[in-house]
C-alpha atoms as a PDB file:
ATOM      1  CA  MET A   1       0.043   0.027  -0.342  1.00  0.00           C
ATOM      2  CA  LEU A   2       2.929   2.412   0.733  1.00  0.00           C
ATOM      3  CA  LEU A   3       4.249   1.857  -2.515  1.00  0.00           C
ATOM      4  CA  LEU A   4       1.130   2.690  -4.188  1.00  0.00           C
ATOM      5  CA  GLY A   5       1.101   5.766  -2.023  1.00  0.00           C
ATOM      6  CA  GLY A   6       4.954   6.604  -3.214  1.00  0.00           C
ATOM      7  CA  ILE A   7       3.960   5.821  -6.908  1.00  0.00           C
ATOM      8  CA  LEU A   8       1.183   8.222  -6.923  1.00  0.00           C
ATOM      9  CA  LEU A   9       3.540  11.003  -5.268  1.00  0.00           C
ATOM     10  CA  ALA A  10       5.899  10.578  -7.823  1.00  0.00           C
ATOM     11  CA  VAL A  11       3.447  10.739 -10.773  1.00  0.00           C
ATOM     12  CA  PHE A  12       1.112  13.570  -9.416  1.00  0.00           C
ATOM     13  CA  VAL A  13       2.866  15.545  -6.654  1.00  0.00           C
ATOM     14  CA  VAL A  14       6.794  15.322  -6.374  1.00  0.00           C
ATOM     15  CA  PRO A  15       9.208  16.672  -9.581  1.00  0.00           C
ATOM     16  CA  TRP A  16      11.464  14.115 -11.021  1.00  0.00           C
ATOM     17  CA  PRO A  17      14.796  13.596  -9.159  1.00  0.00           C
ATOM     18  CA  TRP A  18      12.436  13.316  -6.082  1.00  0.00           C
ATOM     19  CA  GLY A  19       9.882  10.898  -7.121  1.00  0.00           C
ATOM     20  CA  VAL A  20      12.092   8.011  -7.633  1.00  0.00           C
ATOM     21  CA  LEU A  21      13.055   8.536  -4.240  1.00  0.00           C
ATOM     22  CA  ALA A  22       9.520   8.597  -3.058  1.00  0.00           C
ATOM     23  CA  VAL A  23       8.404   5.233  -4.878  1.00  0.00           C
ATOM     24  CA  LEU A  24      11.933   3.366  -3.618  1.00  0.00           C
ATOM     25  CA  ALA A  25      10.755   4.717  -0.075  1.00  0.00           C
ATOM     26  CA  GLY A  26       7.185   3.642  -0.418  1.00  0.00           C
ATOM     27  CA  GLY A  27       8.483  -0.169  -1.773  1.00  0.00           C
ATOM     28  CA  LEU A  28      11.134  -0.619   1.101  1.00  0.00           C
ATOM     29  CA  LEU A  29       8.492   0.638   3.549  1.00  0.00           C
ATOM     30  CA  ASP A  30       6.155  -1.759   2.068  1.00  0.00           C
ATOM     31  CA  ILE A  31       8.401  -4.547   2.261  1.00  0.00           C
ATOM     32  CA  GLY A  32       9.544  -3.703   5.735  1.00  0.00           C
ATOM     33  CA  GLU A  33       5.754  -3.808   6.945  1.00  0.00           C
ATOM     34  CA  SER A  34       5.294  -7.266   5.089  1.00  0.00           C
ATOM     35  CA  VAL A  35       8.164  -8.738   7.386  1.00  0.00           C
ATOM     36  CA  ALA A  36       7.357  -7.249  10.490  1.00  0.00           C
ATOM     37  CA  PHE A  37       3.497  -8.857  10.094  1.00  0.00           C
ATOM     38  CA  LEU A  38       4.750 -12.167   8.885  1.00  0.00           C
ATOM     39  CA  LYS A  39       6.978 -12.700  11.902  1.00  0.00           C
ATOM     40  CA  TRP A  40       4.521 -11.639  14.185  1.00  0.00           C
ATOM     41  CA  SER A  41       1.629 -13.785  12.934  1.00  0.00           C
ATOM     42  CA  ARG A  42       4.295 -16.859  13.298  1.00  0.00           C
ATOM     43  CA  ARG A  43       5.264 -16.007  16.647  1.00  0.00           C
ATOM     44  CA  ARG A  44       3.515 -18.791  18.237  1.00  0.00           C
ATOM     45  CA  LYS A  45       1.629 -21.658  16.794  1.00  0.00           C
ATOM     46  CA  SER A  46      -2.135 -22.006  17.420  1.00  0.00           C
ATOM     47  CA  PRO A  47      -3.310 -25.166  19.319  1.00  0.00           C
ATOM     48  CA  VAL A  48      -5.334 -27.287  17.361  1.00  0.00           C
ATOM     49  CA  GLY A  49      -7.066 -30.626  17.294  1.00  0.00           C
ATOM     50  CA  ALA A  50      -8.194 -32.654  20.024  1.00  0.00           C
ATOM     51  CA  GLU A  51      -5.219 -32.347  22.508  1.00  0.00           C
ATOM     52  CA  ALA A  52      -6.313 -28.712  22.126  1.00  0.00           C
ATOM     53  CA  LEU A  53      -9.379 -29.509  24.568  1.00  0.00           C
ATOM     54  CA  VAL A  54      -7.049 -31.185  27.573  1.00  0.00           C
ATOM     55  CA  GLY A  55      -7.437 -28.363  30.340  1.00  0.00           C
ATOM     56  CA  GLN A  56     -10.789 -27.034  29.370  1.00  0.00           C
ATOM     57  CA  THR A  57     -14.189 -27.076  31.215  1.00  0.00           C
ATOM     58  CA  ALA A  58     -17.060 -29.552  29.877  1.00  0.00           C
ATOM     59  CA  VAL A  59     -20.547 -29.701  31.139  1.00  0.00           C
ATOM     60  CA  VAL A  60     -21.961 -33.564  31.384  1.00  0.00           C
ATOM     61  CA  ALA A  61     -24.851 -33.868  28.889  1.00  0.00           C
ATOM     62  CA  THR A  62     -25.282 -37.524  29.616  1.00  0.00           C
ATOM     63  CA  PRO A  63     -23.364 -39.792  31.865  1.00  0.00           C
ATOM     64  CA  THR A  64     -21.307 -40.999  29.350  1.00  0.00           C
ATOM     65  CA  GLN A  65     -21.250 -37.703  26.943  1.00  0.00           C
ATOM     66  CA  VAL A  66     -19.956 -34.181  27.524  1.00  0.00           C
ATOM     67  CA  ARG A  67     -20.441 -31.130  26.180  1.00  0.00           C
ATOM     68  CA  VAL A  68     -16.914 -29.092  25.411  1.00  0.00           C
ATOM     69  CA  ALA A  69     -16.467 -26.181  22.996  1.00  0.00           C
ATOM     70  CA  GLY A  70     -19.999 -26.652  21.740  1.00  0.00           C
ATOM     71  CA  GLU A  71     -19.743 -30.159  20.495  1.00  0.00           C
ATOM     72  CA  LEU A  72     -20.646 -33.760  21.890  1.00  0.00           C
ATOM     73  CA  TRP A  73     -17.505 -36.097  22.845  1.00  0.00           C
ATOM     74  CA  ALA A  74     -17.751 -39.250  24.722  1.00  0.00           C
ATOM     75  CA  ALA A  75     -16.367 -39.175  28.210  1.00  0.00           C
ATOM     76  CA  ARG A  76     -14.754 -41.216  30.620  1.00  0.00           C
ATOM     77  CA  SER A  77     -13.997 -40.419  34.389  1.00  0.00           C
ATOM     78  CA  ALA A  78     -13.096 -42.661  37.348  1.00  0.00           C
ATOM     79  CA  ASP A  79     -16.159 -40.890  39.074  1.00  0.00           C
ATOM     80  CA  PRO A  80     -19.350 -41.379  38.261  1.00  0.00           C
ATOM     81  CA  LEU A  81     -20.734 -38.169  36.155  1.00  0.00           C
ATOM     82  CA  ARG A  82     -23.765 -36.138  36.858  1.00  0.00           C
ATOM     83  CA  VAL A  83     -25.750 -34.495  34.339  1.00  0.00           C
ATOM     84  CA  GLY A  84     -25.258 -30.548  34.311  1.00  0.00           C
ATOM     85  CA  SER A  85     -21.909 -30.966  36.390  1.00  0.00           C
ATOM     86  CA  GLU A  86     -18.820 -29.095  35.237  1.00  0.00           C
ATOM     87  CA  VAL A  87     -15.669 -31.460  34.380  1.00  0.00           C
ATOM     88  CA  GLU A  88     -12.282 -30.670  33.137  1.00  0.00           C
ATOM     89  CA  VAL A  89     -10.943 -32.253  30.425  1.00  0.00           C
ATOM     90  CA  THR A  90      -7.508 -34.102  31.307  1.00  0.00           C
ATOM     91  CA  ALA A  91      -6.769 -36.300  28.486  1.00  0.00           C
ATOM     92  CA  VAL A  92      -7.734 -37.619  24.931  1.00  0.00           C
ATOM     93  CA  GLU A  93      -7.875 -41.221  24.157  1.00  0.00           C
ATOM     94  CA  GLY A  94      -9.224 -41.506  20.612  1.00  0.00           C
ATOM     95  CA  LEU A  95     -12.540 -39.898  19.782  1.00  0.00           C
ATOM     96  CA  THR A  96     -13.409 -40.093  24.227  1.00  0.00           C
ATOM     97  CA  LEU A  97     -12.215 -37.616  26.587  1.00  0.00           C
ATOM     98  CA  ARG A  98     -10.892 -38.263  30.076  1.00  0.00           C
ATOM     99  CA  VAL A  99     -12.184 -35.844  32.439  1.00  0.00           C
ATOM    100  CA  ARG A 100     -12.372 -35.532  36.222  1.00  0.00           C
ATOM    101  CA  ASP A 101     -15.179 -33.598  38.293  1.00  0.00           C
ATOM    102  CA  LEU A 102     -14.270 -30.153  39.290  1.00  0.00           C
ATOM    103  CA  ARG A 103     -16.286 -30.783  42.872  1.00  0.00           C
ATOM    104  CA  HIS A 104     -13.364 -33.342  43.931  1.00  0.00           C
ATOM    105  CA  VAL A 105     -10.479 -31.059  42.451  1.00  0.00           C
ATOM    106  CA  GLY A 106      -8.531 -29.938  45.616  1.00  0.00           C
ATOM    107  CA  ALA A 107     -10.302 -31.976  47.934  1.00  0.00           C
ATOM    108  CA  GLY A 108      -8.960 -33.476  50.582  1.00  0.00           C
ATOM    109  CA  PRO A 109      -8.897 -37.535  51.826  1.00  0.00           C
END
């Protein structure tokens, strides 16, 4: 976009020797901006796939299914799951989520 601005300045506003400088400056700024945005966008990878669900909170829909991130998943837990309770996803095993009840987190013996 800055290159286009430099070209327009060179053609319509700035006299001959300075127009070339305006185009070069616009082009260099445009390239620098593109490189900066590219580095900024690659600063960290986005979590994708089922593994991104680990650590999220889910709501029990049925005794064997939970709803997490708007999707219904099969679930297993060491404790019986109550419909409507909140659980935390601890692992992914194929298409089944391993969950634990948030009521028991931090509870003593």
